[in-house]
C-alpha atoms as a PDB file:
ATOM      1  CA  MET A   1      -0.416  21.207  35.333  1.00  0.00           C
ATOM      2  CA  SER A   2      -3.650  18.745  35.045  1.00  0.00           C
ATOM      3  CA  PRO A   3      -6.566  20.655  36.067  1.00  0.00           C
ATOM      4  CA  ALA A   4      -7.717  17.963  37.594  1.00  0.00           C
ATOM      5  CA  LEU A   5      -4.965  17.902  39.765  1.00  0.00           C
ATOM      6  CA  LEU A   6      -5.131  21.304  40.423  1.00  0.00           C
ATOM      7  CA  HIS A   7      -8.443  21.595  41.555  1.00  0.00           C
ATOM      8  CA  ALA A   8      -7.757  18.126  43.636  1.00  0.00           C
ATOM      9  CA  TRP A   9      -5.070  20.599  45.596  1.00  0.00           C
ATOM     10  CA  LEU A  10      -7.438  23.683  45.669  1.00  0.00           C
ATOM     11  CA  ALA A  11     -10.061  21.828  47.406  1.00  0.00           C
ATOM     12  CA  GLY A  12      -8.104  20.174  49.739  1.00  0.00           C
ATOM     13  CA  ARG A  13      -6.914  23.243  50.818  1.00  0.00           C
ATOM     14  CA  SER A  14      -9.737  25.281  50.858  1.00  0.00           C
ATOM     15  CA  LEU A  15     -11.072  22.499  53.729  1.00  0.00           C
ATOM     16  CA  ALA A  16      -7.922  22.908  55.766  1.00  0.00           C
ATOM     17  CA  ARG A  17      -8.053  26.463  55.768  1.00  0.00           C
ATOM     18  CA  GLY A  18     -12.270  26.319  56.143  1.00  0.00           C
ATOM     19  CA  VAL A  19     -12.870  28.723  53.161  1.00  0.00           C
ATOM     20  CA  PRO A  20     -15.352  28.271  50.497  1.00  0.00           C
ATOM     21  CA  ALA A  21     -14.612  25.376  47.412  1.00  0.00           C
ATOM     22  CA  PRO A  22     -12.803  26.355  44.522  1.00  0.00           C
ATOM     23  CA  GLU A  23     -15.335  27.081  41.516  1.00  0.00           C
ATOM     24  CA  ALA A  24     -14.836  26.497  37.883  1.00  0.00           C
ATOM     25  CA  ASP A  25     -13.681  30.512  36.521  1.00  0.00           C
ATOM     26  CA  ARG A  26     -12.906  31.692  32.874  1.00  0.00           C
ATOM     27  CA  GLY A  27     -10.837  28.684  32.293  1.00  0.00           C
ATOM     28  CA  GLY A  28      -9.296  28.912  35.753  1.00  0.00           C
ATOM     29  CA  TYR A  29     -10.615  28.389  39.608  1.00  0.00           C
ATOM     30  CA  ARG A  30     -12.012  31.043  41.896  1.00  0.00           C
ATOM     31  CA  VAL A  31     -11.851  30.689  45.274  1.00  0.00           C
ATOM     32  CA  ASP A  32     -13.592  33.393  47.837  1.00  0.00           C
ATOM     33  CA  THR A  33     -11.085  33.465  50.156  1.00  0.00           C
ATOM     34  CA  GLY A  34     -12.508  36.418  51.785  1.00  0.00           C
ATOM     35  CA  SER A  35      -9.570  37.668  54.861  1.00  0.00           C
ATOM     36  CA  ASP A  36      -8.341  41.170  55.302  1.00  0.00           C
ATOM     37  CA  SER A  37      -5.503  40.963  52.883  1.00  0.00           C
ATOM     38  CA  GLU A  38      -7.282  38.533  49.962  1.00  0.00           C
ATOM     39  CA  HIS A  39     -11.216  38.799  48.835  1.00  0.00           C
ATOM     40  CA  CYS A  40     -10.518  36.153  46.199  1.00  0.00           C
ATOM     41  CA  ARG A  41      -7.881  34.706  43.740  1.00  0.00           C
ATOM     42  CA  TRP A  42      -8.227  33.014  40.393  1.00  0.00           C
ATOM     43  CA  VAL A  43      -6.057  30.630  39.767  1.00  0.00           C
ATOM     44  CA  PHE A  44      -5.378  29.039  36.344  1.00  0.00           C
ATOM     45  CA  ALA A  45      -3.195  25.753  35.089  1.00  0.00           C
ATOM     46  CA  ALA A  46      -1.933  26.943  32.398  1.00  0.00           C
ATOM     47  CA  PRO A  47      -1.480  30.793  30.340  1.00  0.00           C
ATOM     48  CA  SER A  48      -4.567  31.502  28.899  1.00  0.00           C
ATOM     49  CA  PRO A  49      -6.326  34.594  27.155  1.00  0.00           C
ATOM     50  CA  ASN A  50      -8.772  34.698  29.796  1.00  0.00           C
ATOM     51  CA  LEU A  51      -6.278  35.271  31.950  1.00  0.00           C
ATOM     52  CA  SER A  52      -5.797  38.812  30.556  1.00  0.00           C
ATOM     53  CA  ALA A  53      -9.156  39.689  30.114  1.00  0.00           C
ATOM     54  CA  LEU A  54      -9.667  38.695  33.816  1.00  0.00           C
ATOM     55  CA  ALA A  55      -6.825  41.116  34.793  1.00  0.00           C
ATOM     56  CA  ARG A  56      -7.963  43.803  33.020  1.00  0.00           C
ATOM     57  CA  GLU A  57     -10.930  44.285  34.429  1.00  0.00           C
ATOM     58  CA  ILE A  58      -9.713  44.060  37.855  1.00  0.00           C
ATOM     59  CA  ASP A  59      -9.797  47.349  39.691  1.00  0.00           C
ATOM     60  CA  GLN A  60      -9.493  46.571  42.830  1.00  0.00           C
ATOM     61  CA  PRO A  61      -6.559  45.448  45.887  1.00  0.00           C
ATOM     62  CA  GLY A  62      -6.961  41.891  47.478  1.00  0.00           C
ATOM     63  CA  ARG A  63      -8.020  40.360  44.261  1.00  0.00           C
ATOM     64  CA  LEU A  64      -4.855  37.608  43.317  1.00  0.00           C
ATOM     65  CA  ILE A  65      -4.273  35.736  40.084  1.00  0.00           C
ATOM     66  CA  LYS A  66      -2.337  32.710  40.542  1.00  0.00           C
ATOM     67  CA  LEU A  67      -0.163  30.541  37.726  1.00  0.00           C
ATOM     68  CA  CYS A  68       1.369  26.775  37.280  1.00  0.00           C
ATOM     69  CA  GLY A  69       4.181  28.852  35.647  1.00  0.00           C
ATOM     70  CA  LYS A  70       7.393  31.049  36.019  1.00  0.00           C
ATOM     71  CA  ASP A  71       6.922  34.917  36.970  1.00  0.00           C
ATOM     72  CA  GLU A  72       7.766  35.422  33.610  1.00  0.00           C
ATOM     73  CA  ALA A  73       5.029  33.919  32.009  1.00  0.00           C
ATOM     74  CA  LEU A  74       2.574  35.362  34.510  1.00  0.00           C
ATOM     75  CA  ARG A  75       4.457  38.804  33.949  1.00  0.00           C
ATOM     76  CA  GLU A  76       3.534  38.658  30.124  1.00  0.00           C
ATOM     77  CA  LEU A  77      -0.187  38.306  30.601  1.00  0.00           C
ATOM     78  CA  LEU A  78      -0.692  41.051  33.267  1.00  0.00           C
ATOM     79  CA  PRO A  79      -0.920  45.286  32.238  1.00  0.00           C
ATOM     80  CA  ASP A  80       1.983  46.947  34.215  1.00  0.00           C
ATOM     81  CA  SER A  81      -0.588  47.845  37.543  1.00  0.00           C
ATOM     82  CA  TRP A  82       0.729  44.346  38.619  1.00  0.00           C
ATOM     83  CA  GLN A  83       2.966  43.499  40.753  1.00  0.00           C
ATOM     84  CA  LEU A  84       4.100  39.793  41.428  1.00  0.00           C
ATOM     85  CA  HIS A  85       4.736  37.969  44.811  1.00  0.00           C
ATOM     86  CA  ALA A  86       7.235  35.186  45.169  1.00  0.00           C
ATOM     87  CA  LEU A  87       7.543  32.518  43.148  1.00  0.00           C
ATOM     88  CA  ALA A  88       6.281  29.134  44.911  1.00  0.00           C
ATOM     89  CA  PHE A  89       6.694  25.693  44.088  1.00  0.00           C
ATOM     90  CA  PHE A  90       3.744  23.111  43.034  1.00  0.00           C
ATOM     91  CA  MET A  91       4.826  19.935  44.421  1.00  0.00           C
ATOM     92  CA  GLN A  92       3.684  16.297  44.758  1.00  0.00           C
ATOM     93  CA  SER A  93       5.367  13.432  47.195  1.00  0.00           C
ATOM     94  CA  GLY A  94       7.656  10.601  46.102  1.00  0.00           C
ATOM     95  CA  SER A  95       9.061   7.640  48.054  1.00  0.00           C
ATOM     96  CA  TRP A  96       9.310   8.847  51.800  1.00  0.00           C
ATOM     97  CA  PRO A  97      11.998   7.936  53.790  1.00  0.00           C
ATOM     98  CA  ALA A  98      11.518   6.350  57.219  1.00  0.00           C
ATOM     99  CA  ALA A  99       9.483   8.603  59.850  1.00  0.00           C
ATOM    100  CA  ARG A 100      12.478   9.877  62.973  1.00  0.00           C
ATOM    101  CA  ALA A 101      11.668  10.725  66.684  1.00  0.00           C
ATOM    102  CA  LEU A 102      11.764  13.919  67.438  1.00  0.00           C
ATOM    103  CA  PRO A 103      14.806  15.391  69.325  1.00  0.00           C
ATOM    104  CA  PRO A 104      15.088  15.228  73.017  1.00  0.00           C
ATOM    105  CA  GLY A 105      12.643  18.008  74.610  1.00  0.00           C
ATOM    106  CA  TYR A 106       9.907  17.939  71.830  1.00  0.00           C
ATOM    107  CA  ARG A 107       6.604  16.492  72.532  1.00  0.00           C
ATOM    108  CA  CYS A 108       4.134  16.031  69.921  1.00  0.00           C
ATOM    109  CA  GLU A 109       0.402  16.585  69.802  1.00  0.00           C
ATOM    110  CA  THR A 110      -2.087  15.459  66.538  1.00  0.00           C
ATOM    111  CA  SER A 111      -5.884  16.389  65.978  1.00  0.00           C
ATOM    112  CA  VAL A 112      -8.065  15.263  63.190  1.00  0.00           C
ATOM    113  CA  VAL A 113     -11.538  17.441  63.082  1.00  0.00           C
ATOM    114  CA  GLY A 114     -13.472  15.782  60.490  1.00  0.00           C
ATOM    115  CA  SER A 115     -11.227  15.330  57.505  1.00  0.00           C
ATOM    116  CA  VAL A 116      -9.028  17.887  58.542  1.00  0.00           C
ATOM    117  CA  ALA A 117      -5.831  16.967  60.613  1.00  0.00           C
ATOM    118  CA  HIS A 118      -3.708  19.375  62.319  1.00  0.00           C
ATOM    119  CA  VAL A 119      -0.139  18.568  64.193  1.00  0.00           C
ATOM    120  CA  ALA A 120       1.773  21.047  66.981  1.00  0.00           C
ATOM    121  CA  VAL A 121       5.114  20.243  68.223  1.00  0.00           C
ATOM    122  CA  PHE A 122       5.492  22.024  71.675  1.00  0.00           C
ATOM    123  CA  GLY A 123       9.078  22.821  73.836  1.00  0.00           C
ATOM    124  CA  ASP A 124       9.519  21.575  76.750  1.00  0.00           C
ATOM    125  CA  ASP A 125       9.042  25.296  77.583  1.00  0.00           C
ATOM    126  CA  GLY A 126       5.370  25.008  76.469  1.00  0.00           C
ATOM    127  CA  SER A 127       5.695  27.144  73.487  1.00  0.00           C
ATOM    128  CA  LEU A 128       4.793  25.961  70.094  1.00  0.00           C
ATOM    129  CA  ALA A 129       7.902  24.922  67.822  1.00  0.00           C
ATOM    130  CA  ALA A 130       6.107  23.640  64.647  1.00  0.00           C
ATOM    131  CA  SER A 131       3.227  23.158  63.436  1.00  0.00           C
ATOM    132  CA  GLY A 132       1.109  22.004  60.306  1.00  0.00           C
ATOM    133  CA  TYR A 133      -2.238  21.291  59.095  1.00  0.00           C
ATOM    134  CA  ALA A 134      -3.500  18.735  56.335  1.00  0.00           C
ATOM    135  CA  ALA A 135      -6.821  17.708  54.565  1.00  0.00           C
ATOM    136  CA  GLU A 136      -7.709  14.728  52.726  1.00  0.00           C
ATOM    137  CA  THR A 137     -10.578  14.550  50.241  1.00  0.00           C
ATOM    138  CA  GLY A 138     -11.554  11.817  47.637  1.00  0.00           C
ATOM    139  CA  ALA A 139      -8.967  13.265  44.968  1.00  0.00           C
ATOM    140  CA  ALA A 140      -5.811  14.067  47.327  1.00  0.00           C
ATOM    141  CA  PHE A 141      -4.024  14.283  50.611  1.00  0.00           C
ATOM    142  CA  VAL A 142      -3.096  18.008  50.847  1.00  0.00           C
ATOM    143  CA  PHE A 143      -0.460  19.242  53.435  1.00  0.00           C
ATOM    144  CA  ASP A 144      -0.941  23.141  53.927  1.00  0.00           C
ATOM    145  CA  ARG A 145       0.796  25.601  56.162  1.00  0.00           C
ATOM    146  CA  ILE A 146       3.864  23.790  57.778  1.00  0.00           C
ATOM    147  CA  VAL A 147       5.833  26.213  60.145  1.00  0.00           C
ATOM    148  CA  THR A 148       8.499  25.740  62.289  1.00  0.00           C
ATOM    149  CA  ALA A 149       9.558  28.711  64.651  1.00  0.00           C
ATOM    150  CA  PRO A 150      12.391  30.349  63.437  1.00  0.00           C
ATOM    151  CA  SER A 151      14.396  29.511  67.126  1.00  0.00           C
ATOM    152  CA  HIS A 152      13.398  26.081  66.642  1.00  0.00           C
ATOM    153  CA  ARG A 153      15.136  25.260  62.908  1.00  0.00           C
ATOM    154  CA  ARG A 154      17.729  22.865  61.390  1.00  0.00           C
ATOM    155  CA  LYS A 155      15.797  20.032  63.910  1.00  0.00           C
ATOM    156  CA  GLY A 156      14.262  18.229  62.106  1.00  0.00           C
ATOM    157  CA  LEU A 157      10.583  19.111  63.563  1.00  0.00           C
ATOM    158  CA  GLY A 158       9.418  20.036  59.981  1.00  0.00           C
ATOM    159  CA  ALA A 159       9.859  16.851  58.816  1.00  0.00           C
ATOM    160  CA  GLY A 160       8.299  15.947  62.432  1.00  0.00           C
ATOM    161  CA  VAL A 161       5.196  17.220  61.592  1.00  0.00           C
ATOM    162  CA  MET A 162       5.096  15.957  57.964  1.00  0.00           C
ATOM    163  CA  ALA A 163       5.094  12.641  59.517  1.00  0.00           C
ATOM    164  CA  ALA A 164       2.607  13.038  61.801  1.00  0.00           C
ATOM    165  CA  LEU A 165      -0.091  14.482  59.171  1.00  0.00           C
ATOM    166  CA  ARG A 166       0.760  12.039  56.888  1.00  0.00           C
ATOM    167  CA  ALA A 167       0.025   9.102  59.723  1.00  0.00           C
ATOM    168  CA  THR A 168      -3.476  10.501  59.817  1.00  0.00           C
ATOM    169  CA  ARG A 169      -4.121   9.296  56.215  1.00  0.00           C
ATOM    170  CA  THR A 170      -7.175   6.746  55.301  1.00  0.00           C
ATOM    171  CA  ARG A 171      -6.418   6.757  51.771  1.00  0.00           C
ATOM    172  CA  PRO A 172      -3.021   5.715  50.514  1.00  0.00           C
ATOM    173  CA  ASP A 173      -4.253   5.642  46.474  1.00  0.00           C
ATOM    174  CA  VAL A 174      -4.653   9.430  46.580  1.00  0.00           C
ATOM    175  CA  PRO A 175      -1.267  12.058  45.606  1.00  0.00           C
ATOM    176  CA  GLU A 176      -0.116  14.253  48.510  1.00  0.00           C
ATOM    177  CA  LEU A 177       0.288  17.448  46.849  1.00  0.00           C
ATOM    178  CA  LEU A 178       1.445  20.675  48.640  1.00  0.00           C
ATOM    179  CA  VAL A 179       2.551  24.500  47.457  1.00  0.00           C
ATOM    180  CA  ALA A 180       6.373  25.420  48.643  1.00  0.00           C
ATOM    181  CA  THR A 181       8.399  28.572  49.132  1.00  0.00           C
ATOM    182  CA  ASP A 182      11.315  28.514  48.016  1.00  0.00           C
ATOM    183  CA  GLU A 183      13.088  27.795  51.062  1.00  0.00           C
ATOM    184  CA  GLY A 184      10.462  25.003  52.063  1.00  0.00           C
ATOM    185  CA  ARG A 185      11.048  23.233  48.780  1.00  0.00           C
ATOM    186  CA  CYS A 186      14.541  22.376  50.098  1.00  0.00           C
ATOM    187  CA  LEU A 187      13.021  20.906  52.586  1.00  0.00           C
ATOM    188  CA  TYR A 188      10.096  18.262  51.104  1.00  0.00           C
ATOM    189  CA  GLN A 189      12.663  17.707  48.446  1.00  0.00           C
ATOM    190  CA  ARG A 190      14.459  16.467  51.210  1.00  0.00           C
ATOM    191  CA  LEU A 191      11.779  14.371  51.743  1.00  0.00           C
ATOM    192  CA  GLY A 192      11.094  12.557  49.024  1.00  0.00           C
ATOM    193  CA  TRP A 193       9.153  15.245  46.905  1.00  0.00           C
ATOM    194  CA  ARG A 194       8.728  16.938  43.572  1.00  0.00           C
ATOM    195  CA  VAL A 195       8.154  19.508  41.946  1.00  0.00           C
ATOM    196  CA  LEU A 196       5.349  19.775  39.213  1.00  0.00           C
ATOM    197  CA  SER A 197       5.344  23.162  38.269  1.00  0.00           C
ATOM    198  CA  PRO A 198       6.313  26.764  39.321  1.00  0.00           C
ATOM    199  CA  TYR A 199       3.633  28.862  41.393  1.00  0.00           C
ATOM    200  CA  ALA A 200       3.488  32.401  40.049  1.00  0.00           C
ATOM    201  CA  THR A 201       1.178  34.744  41.886  1.00  0.00           C
ATOM    202  CA  ALA A 202       0.423  38.715  41.419  1.00  0.00           C
ATOM    203  CA  GLU A 203      -1.609  41.117  42.478  1.00  0.00           C
ATOM    204  CA  PHE A 204      -3.034  44.075  41.347  1.00  0.00           C
ATOM    205  CA  ALA A 205      -1.148  47.117  42.846  1.00  0.00           C
ATOM    206  CA  ALA A 206      -2.301  50.594  41.274  1.00  0.00           C
END
């Protein structure tokens, strides 16, 4: 995994979520997320002895270590006091299919504040059916938090959110990036995205 591409995604994600920009630390990047469940995270483009040393120093929950690699590769670098989360996937777009209209009964609203776009799809009863964010930097266009409510799935709403977010782009020369769950990966692959790397996560749990 390219460290430059990883940093580009992290910078876009931080922008989309309103958290501090990533900082170089121990051969990876640190992001001070500061939420109730997560104090900070370190993200590494490849396995490193620095990752193992960092894990041995951490003795509080809410500190996550993430690796562009498989679960097994991260597990080998960690003490027994760490637990793995569900594996995710680092992805980059390829060729997009033609955008399709939303099904009848749905409407889409797009807002852009600075370099961050937000798309919301509403049902005919006014309920939020799907949503997502994207952030554009000089190095990447990053999709984030693409969510479809369970009762509205398998109707093409996720693809509609992605298309609406993509329509806000102003720099066609930068890569489009995201990190997907295993379930989300199927949607993105149908839209022409490809997996660049597994994305493993672990948290101190003792």
